[in-house]
Protein backbone atom coordinates (compact mmCIF):
# COMPACT_ATOMS: atom_id res chain seq x y z
CA MET A 1 8.84 22.55 21.92
CA SER A 2 12.14 22.03 20.12
CA ALA A 3 13.01 18.46 19.22
CA GLN A 4 15.94 16.48 20.55
CA PRO A 5 18.34 14.65 18.20
CA PHE A 6 16.90 11.43 16.76
CA THR A 7 19.08 8.31 16.66
CA LEU A 8 18.64 5.41 14.24
CA PHE A 9 21.18 2.63 13.69
CA ARG A 10 23.88 4.47 15.65
CA THR A 11 23.39 7.61 13.54
CA LYS A 12 22.32 10.82 15.27
CA VAL A 13 20.10 13.21 13.28
CA ALA A 14 19.91 16.81 14.52
CA PRO A 15 16.58 18.67 14.63
CA GLY A 16 15.75 20.31 11.29
CA LYS A 17 18.01 17.96 9.31
CA ARG A 18 17.71 14.98 6.97
CA THR A 19 20.09 12.04 6.77
CA ALA A 20 20.61 9.01 4.55
CA ILE A 21 21.37 5.77 6.43
CA ASP A 22 22.19 2.47 4.77
CA ILE A 23 21.71 -0.44 7.17
CA PRO A 24 23.66 -3.54 6.04
CA VAL A 25 21.49 -6.61 5.49
CA SER A 26 23.77 -9.17 3.86
CA ARG A 27 26.31 -9.78 1.14
CA ASP A 28 25.04 -11.23 -2.10
CA ALA A 29 26.65 -14.10 -3.98
CA ALA A 30 29.03 -11.69 -5.72
CA ASP A 31 30.20 -10.33 -2.32
CA SER A 32 28.45 -6.97 -2.72
CA VAL A 33 26.83 -5.48 0.37
CA VAL A 34 23.02 -5.31 0.20
CA SER A 35 21.61 -2.64 2.50
CA LEU A 36 18.29 -1.34 3.76
CA PRO A 37 18.20 2.27 2.43
CA VAL A 38 16.63 4.63 4.97
CA ARG A 39 15.96 8.34 4.78
CA VAL A 40 15.32 10.13 8.06
CA ILE A 41 13.71 13.58 8.04
CA HIS A 42 13.81 14.99 11.57
CA GLY A 43 11.71 18.07 12.29
CA ARG A 44 12.65 21.08 14.29
CA LYS A 45 9.72 20.56 16.67
CA GLU A 46 8.73 17.55 18.74
CA GLY A 47 6.08 15.26 17.33
CA PRO A 48 5.25 11.67 16.42
CA VAL A 49 7.49 9.27 14.50
CA LEU A 50 6.02 7.88 11.27
CA PHE A 51 7.58 5.21 9.09
CA VAL A 52 6.66 4.79 5.43
CA SER A 53 7.88 1.66 3.65
CA ALA A 54 7.66 0.31 0.09
CA ALA A 55 8.73 -2.72 -1.95
CA VAL A 56 8.35 -5.25 0.85
CA HIS A 57 7.41 -7.32 -2.17
CA GLY A 58 10.20 -6.51 -4.61
CA ASP A 59 8.03 -6.31 -7.73
CA GLU A 60 5.55 -3.87 -6.17
CA ILE A 61 7.28 -0.73 -7.38
CA SER A 62 4.38 1.74 -7.30
CA GLY A 63 5.06 2.58 -3.66
CA VAL A 64 8.73 3.28 -4.41
CA GLU A 65 7.69 6.31 -6.47
CA VAL A 66 5.33 7.45 -3.72
CA ALA A 67 8.21 7.23 -1.23
CA ARG A 68 10.58 9.09 -3.58
CA ARG A 69 8.17 12.00 -4.02
CA LEU A 70 7.46 12.09 -0.30
CA ILE A 71 11.17 12.47 0.49
CA ARG A 72 11.39 15.41 -1.92
CA LYS A 73 8.23 17.14 -0.66
CA VAL A 74 8.75 17.05 3.12
CA SER A 75 11.17 19.58 4.55
CA PRO A 76 12.60 19.10 8.06
CA LYS A 77 12.15 22.82 8.63
CA SER A 78 8.35 22.55 8.36
CA LEU A 79 8.05 19.14 10.08
CA SER A 80 7.00 18.34 13.64
CA GLY A 81 8.28 14.93 14.61
CA THR A 82 10.21 12.46 12.49
CA LEU A 83 9.55 10.82 9.14
CA ILE A 84 11.40 7.55 8.41
CA VAL A 85 11.14 6.50 4.77
CA VAL A 86 12.33 3.12 3.48
CA PRO A 87 11.72 3.24 -0.31
CA VAL A 88 12.97 -0.31 -0.99
CA VAL A 89 12.68 -2.83 1.84
CA ASN A 90 13.30 -5.94 -0.26
CA ALA A 91 16.28 -4.86 -2.38
CA PHE A 92 16.91 -8.46 -3.46
CA GLY A 93 13.49 -8.78 -5.07
CA PHE A 94 13.51 -5.21 -6.36
CA VAL A 95 16.59 -5.64 -8.56
CA ALA A 96 15.40 -9.09 -9.71
CA ASN A 97 11.83 -7.95 -10.57
CA SER A 98 10.65 -10.59 -8.08
CA ARG A 99 8.06 -10.54 -5.32
CA TYR A 100 10.19 -12.76 -3.10
CA LEU A 101 13.60 -13.01 -1.49
CA PRO A 102 16.22 -15.22 -3.24
CA ASP A 103 15.09 -18.16 -1.07
CA ARG A 104 11.52 -17.72 -2.43
CA ARG A 105 10.21 -16.65 0.95
CA ASP A 106 7.60 -13.91 1.29
CA LEU A 107 8.96 -11.14 3.51
CA ASN A 108 5.43 -10.13 4.51
CA ARG A 109 4.85 -13.57 6.02
CA SER A 110 8.20 -13.63 7.87
CA PHE A 111 7.56 -11.27 10.81
CA PRO A 112 8.55 -10.92 13.61
CA GLY A 113 11.71 -12.49 12.21
CA ARG A 114 14.79 -13.60 14.04
CA VAL A 115 18.44 -12.65 13.92
CA ASP A 116 19.68 -16.18 13.16
CA GLY A 117 16.94 -17.29 10.74
CA PRO A 118 16.69 -17.52 6.93
CA LEU A 119 17.32 -14.36 4.90
CA ALA A 120 13.66 -13.28 4.91
CA SER A 121 13.46 -13.78 8.67
CA ARG A 122 16.68 -11.82 9.24
CA LEU A 123 15.44 -8.92 7.11
CA ALA A 124 12.09 -8.93 8.93
CA TYR A 125 13.93 -8.87 12.27
CA LEU A 126 16.12 -5.98 11.13
CA PHE A 127 13.17 -3.95 9.84
CA ARG A 128 11.16 -4.58 13.00
CA THR A 129 13.89 -3.67 15.45
CA GLU A 130 15.48 -0.74 13.60
CA ILE A 131 12.38 0.84 11.99
CA MET A 132 9.04 -0.35 13.37
CA GLU A 133 9.95 -0.26 17.04
CA ARG A 134 11.18 3.34 16.66
CA ALA A 135 7.83 4.56 15.30
CA ASP A 136 4.41 5.58 16.61
CA PHE A 137 2.60 4.76 13.37
CA GLY A 138 3.36 3.17 10.01
CA ILE A 139 2.19 3.18 6.39
CA ASP A 140 3.22 0.28 4.17
CA LEU A 141 2.85 0.76 0.41
CA HIS A 142 1.86 -2.19 -1.80
CA SER A 143 0.36 -3.00 -5.19
CA ALA A 144 -1.39 -6.00 -6.73
CA ALA A 145 0.40 -9.21 -7.64
CA MET A 146 1.56 -9.98 -11.18
CA HIS A 147 -1.13 -9.67 -13.88
CA ARG A 148 -3.58 -7.97 -11.55
CA TYR A 149 -4.60 -4.38 -10.85
CA ASN A 150 -5.76 -2.91 -7.53
CA LEU A 151 -7.96 0.14 -7.19
CA PRO A 152 -6.16 2.50 -4.76
CA GLN A 153 -7.38 1.43 -1.33
CA VAL A 154 -6.34 1.38 2.30
CA ARG A 155 -6.56 -1.73 4.46
CA VAL A 156 -6.76 -1.55 8.24
CA SER A 157 -7.51 -3.92 11.07
CA ASN A 158 -10.84 -3.65 12.85
CA GLU A 159 -8.79 -3.89 16.06
CA SER A 160 -7.00 -0.60 15.31
CA PRO A 161 -9.29 2.41 15.89
CA ARG A 162 -6.49 4.95 15.45
CA ALA A 163 -5.53 3.37 12.13
CA LEU A 164 -9.13 3.62 10.91
CA GLU A 165 -9.23 7.28 11.95
CA LEU A 166 -6.03 8.00 9.99
CA ALA A 167 -7.22 5.90 7.05
CA ARG A 168 -10.17 8.28 6.77
CA ALA A 169 -7.72 11.18 6.78
CA PHE A 170 -5.77 9.43 4.00
CA ALA A 171 -9.05 9.56 2.00
CA PRO A 172 -8.52 6.78 -0.56
CA PRO A 173 -11.33 5.65 -2.86
CA VAL A 174 -11.97 2.63 -0.61
CA ILE A 175 -11.13 1.62 2.97
CA MET A 176 -11.21 -2.14 3.65
CA THR A 177 -11.23 -3.44 7.21
CA SER A 178 -9.64 -6.89 7.15
CA LYS A 179 -8.22 -9.47 9.52
CA LEU A 180 -4.54 -9.53 10.43
CA ARG A 181 -2.56 -12.29 8.73
CA GLU A 182 -0.06 -14.31 10.70
CA GLY A 183 3.51 -13.33 9.90
CA SER A 184 2.57 -10.03 8.27
CA MET A 185 4.03 -6.65 9.10
CA ARG A 186 0.58 -5.45 10.13
CA ALA A 187 0.15 -8.33 12.57
CA ILE A 188 3.47 -7.83 14.32
CA ALA A 189 2.93 -4.05 14.40
CA HIS A 190 -0.31 -4.67 16.28
CA GLU A 191 1.54 -6.93 18.74
CA ILE A 192 4.22 -4.34 19.52
CA GLY A 193 1.71 -1.48 19.81
CA VAL A 194 2.49 0.35 16.56
CA GLU A 195 -0.72 0.84 14.60
CA MET A 196 -0.41 1.02 10.84
CA LEU A 197 -2.30 1.00 7.57
CA VAL A 198 -1.54 -0.62 4.23
CA PHE A 199 -2.02 1.24 0.95
CA GLU A 200 -2.71 -1.01 -2.06
CA ALA A 201 -2.68 0.47 -5.56
CA GLY A 202 -1.80 -0.38 -9.14
CA GLU A 203 -0.02 -3.49 -10.37
CA ALA A 204 3.34 -5.20 -10.07
CA LEU A 205 6.29 -3.90 -12.13
CA ARG A 206 4.31 -0.87 -13.36
CA PHE A 207 4.09 2.77 -12.37
CA ASP A 208 0.57 4.20 -12.35
CA PRO A 209 0.26 8.02 -12.18
CA MET A 210 -3.16 7.95 -10.51
CA SER A 211 -2.03 5.48 -7.84
CA THR A 212 1.13 7.51 -7.21
CA ARG A 213 -0.68 10.78 -6.69
CA ILE A 214 -3.39 9.28 -4.51
CA GLY A 215 -0.63 7.65 -2.45
CA VAL A 216 1.41 10.84 -2.04
CA ASN A 217 -1.67 12.89 -1.17
CA GLY A 218 -2.89 10.26 1.26
CA VAL A 219 0.39 10.07 3.18
CA LEU A 220 0.57 13.86 3.39
CA ARG A 221 -3.03 14.09 4.63
CA THR A 222 -2.25 11.41 7.22
CA MET A 223 0.76 13.40 8.40
CA GLN A 224 -1.39 16.51 8.65
CA ALA A 225 -3.93 14.59 10.76
CA MET A 226 -1.06 13.44 13.02
CA GLY A 227 0.01 17.07 13.55
CA MET A 228 3.29 16.61 11.69
CA LEU A 229 2.84 19.24 8.97
CA ALA A 230 0.40 21.66 7.37
CA LEU A 231 -0.82 21.48 3.77
CA LYS A 232 -1.86 24.24 1.44
CA ARG A 233 -5.59 24.24 0.79
CA PRO A 234 -6.18 22.00 -2.25
CA LYS A 235 -7.98 23.32 -5.31
CA ARG A 236 -10.24 20.27 -5.26
CA SER A 237 -11.20 18.00 -2.38
CA PRO A 238 -11.47 14.20 -2.64
CA HIS A 239 -14.91 12.66 -2.84
CA PRO A 240 -16.19 10.66 0.14
CA THR A 241 -14.46 7.35 0.74
CA LEU A 242 -16.39 4.10 0.53
CA GLU A 243 -15.86 1.74 3.47
CA ALA A 244 -16.27 -2.02 3.33
CA SER A 245 -15.58 -4.98 5.60
CA ARG A 246 -16.29 -7.86 3.22
CA SER A 247 -14.68 -8.71 -0.08
CA MET A 248 -14.63 -11.75 -2.37
CA TRP A 249 -12.83 -13.01 -5.48
CA LEU A 250 -15.00 -14.07 -8.41
CA ARG A 251 -13.27 -16.86 -10.36
CA ALA A 252 -13.31 -18.28 -13.84
CA PRO A 253 -15.95 -21.03 -14.19
CA ARG A 254 -13.84 -22.75 -16.87
CA GLY A 255 -10.63 -22.31 -18.83
CA GLY A 256 -10.67 -20.10 -21.90
CA ILE A 257 -10.41 -16.48 -22.98
CA SER A 258 -11.42 -13.88 -20.41
CA SER A 259 -13.03 -10.50 -21.06
CA ILE A 260 -13.41 -8.17 -18.04
CA ARG A 261 -16.60 -6.09 -18.28
CA ALA A 262 -16.26 -4.16 -15.00
CA GLU A 263 -12.75 -2.96 -14.16
CA SER A 264 -11.50 -1.61 -10.84
CA GLY A 265 -13.48 1.37 -9.55
CA ARG A 266 -16.79 0.33 -11.07
CA ILE A 267 -19.89 0.36 -8.86
CA VAL A 268 -21.88 -2.79 -9.69
CA LYS A 269 -25.27 -4.29 -8.85
CA ALA A 270 -26.16 -7.83 -7.83
CA GLY A 271 -26.70 -9.93 -10.94
CA GLN A 272 -24.65 -7.65 -13.19
CA THR A 273 -22.23 -9.36 -15.61
CA LEU A 274 -18.65 -8.53 -14.59
CA ALA A 275 -16.69 -10.83 -16.89
CA ILE A 276 -17.17 -13.27 -19.78
CA VAL A 277 -15.12 -16.45 -20.29
CA ARG A 278 -15.28 -17.96 -23.80
CA ASN A 279 -13.73 -21.01 -25.37
CA PRO A 280 -11.24 -20.26 -28.18
CA MET A 281 -13.49 -21.90 -30.80
CA GLY A 282 -16.19 -19.31 -30.24
CA ASP A 283 -19.16 -21.60 -29.61
CA GLU A 284 -19.39 -21.34 -25.80
CA GLU A 285 -19.34 -18.49 -23.31
CA PHE A 286 -20.01 -18.17 -19.61
CA ALA A 287 -20.95 -15.02 -17.70
CA VAL A 288 -19.47 -14.20 -14.30
CA THR A 289 -22.06 -12.18 -12.39
CA SER A 290 -21.94 -10.20 -9.17
CA PRO A 291 -23.57 -11.88 -6.15
CA VAL A 292 -23.90 -8.54 -4.29
CA ASP A 293 -24.02 -4.78 -4.72
CA GLY A 294 -20.44 -3.58 -4.51
CA ILE A 295 -17.41 -1.94 -6.02
CA VAL A 296 -14.67 -3.65 -8.01
CA ILE A 297 -11.42 -3.15 -6.06
CA GLY A 298 -9.20 -5.38 -8.20
CA HIS A 299 -9.23 -7.23 -11.49
CA SER A 300 -7.14 -9.63 -13.54
CA ARG A 301 -5.08 -8.42 -16.49
CA LEU A 302 -4.81 -11.91 -18.01
CA GLY A 303 -6.73 -12.72 -21.16
CA VAL A 304 -6.13 -16.48 -21.00
CA VAL A 305 -7.38 -18.21 -17.86
CA ASN A 306 -7.81 -21.62 -16.26
CA ARG A 307 -10.79 -22.77 -14.27
CA GLY A 308 -10.67 -21.20 -10.80
CA ASP A 309 -8.41 -18.26 -11.75
CA ALA A 310 -9.25 -15.02 -9.93
CA LEU A 311 -10.97 -12.52 -12.24
CA ILE A 312 -12.68 -9.85 -10.13
CA HIS A 313 -12.04 -8.69 -6.56
CA LEU A 314 -15.33 -7.29 -5.30
CA ALA A 315 -15.99 -5.35 -2.09
CA GLN A 316 -19.53 -5.35 -0.79
CA ILE A 317 -20.84 -1.87 -0.03
CA GLY A 318 -23.76 -0.67 2.03
CA GLU A 319 -27.20 0.17 0.78
CA ALA A 320 -26.56 3.91 1.16
CA ASP A 321 -23.62 3.71 -1.26
CA THR A 322 -25.51 1.96 -4.07
CA SER A 323 -27.04 5.28 -5.14
CA LEU A 324 -23.65 6.30 -6.56
CA ASP A 325 -23.44 6.72 -10.30
CA PRO A 326 -22.33 3.35 -11.72
CA ASP A 327 -20.02 5.19 -14.14
CA THR A 328 -17.49 6.06 -11.43
CA GLU A 329 -14.30 6.95 -13.28
CA GLU A 330 -14.59 10.62 -12.29
CA TRP A 331 -15.50 9.63 -8.74
CA PHE A 332 -12.08 8.34 -7.79
CA SER A 333 -9.57 9.79 -10.25
CA GLY A 334 -9.95 13.33 -11.52
CA VAL A 335 -10.50 15.02 -8.18
CA MET A 336 -7.34 13.49 -6.70
CA LEU A 337 -4.77 14.08 -9.41
CA ASP A 338 -3.46 17.43 -8.10
CA GLU A 339 -0.65 16.68 -5.64
CA HIS A 340 -0.82 18.44 -2.30
CA GLU A 341 1.82 20.99 -1.39
CA VAL A 342 3.34 21.35 2.08
CA VAL A 343 3.20 24.78 3.72
């Protein structure tokens, strides 16, 4: 059935068209208008509404490139439903290379927001009312914090069966089921009945080609599973995804110089040495070992550490998955590097 016009922030988008909408957020200290940049791609046929957002944390730029490529790849003529893409949610942090808003608040702990609150709360309110509440499903794109790297992974709530189903369609290296955090976009989405998943990949302030392509492919596969578009048959299919519901950070036992022995993507066994911390004088060293069989889903990039610093983010995997080859670089990278093409 043919679609009806789609309206967002008082702008009407005709079926089979795309439109750029800049929603004013605030004026900065120099009196320039700071806006929420939105791209709406409205299909010719009826279908679901999907929002894709990036740079909720301003220094997490990997998702911005995923969003940019997605906008270029998806044509309204071949789309059923509506795709809302917000490549830079936190423009303040994005231009300042900062995770936070100017008031040092974390936007992803500021939902549901309010119209008369601090800047982070106002932006959360605007994003919720203008974007989230217009959608049937959402994908939020993130990366690791400063000086850390995340293996491409999808995080979903165990209270969201549809999100888990679509996470499997996304087909990342790892799916983590995790609790909802108060004030997060995922938590408020659950409250308002809009299921969503979070894609984590790469590191802050860096573009990572593997993370970008896995992200683009994953969003396109999710859209295909939602009935929004069709994809050309890929030359190579992704390997099976590992699923986990428990993860832990392994921390430095003392201050010193850190050497990571098992980087993100490595399958590890209980008792295996994952990192070494040495003192600068060279006469002491301490091994950080794995307490469980698992896969490294994140690791520190810092060579100098203090006691208690996070070194390795480890996800525990099931007994059936421990038969995987411990040398897993090919498992999660090579087969996913060809970007999907839309029919």
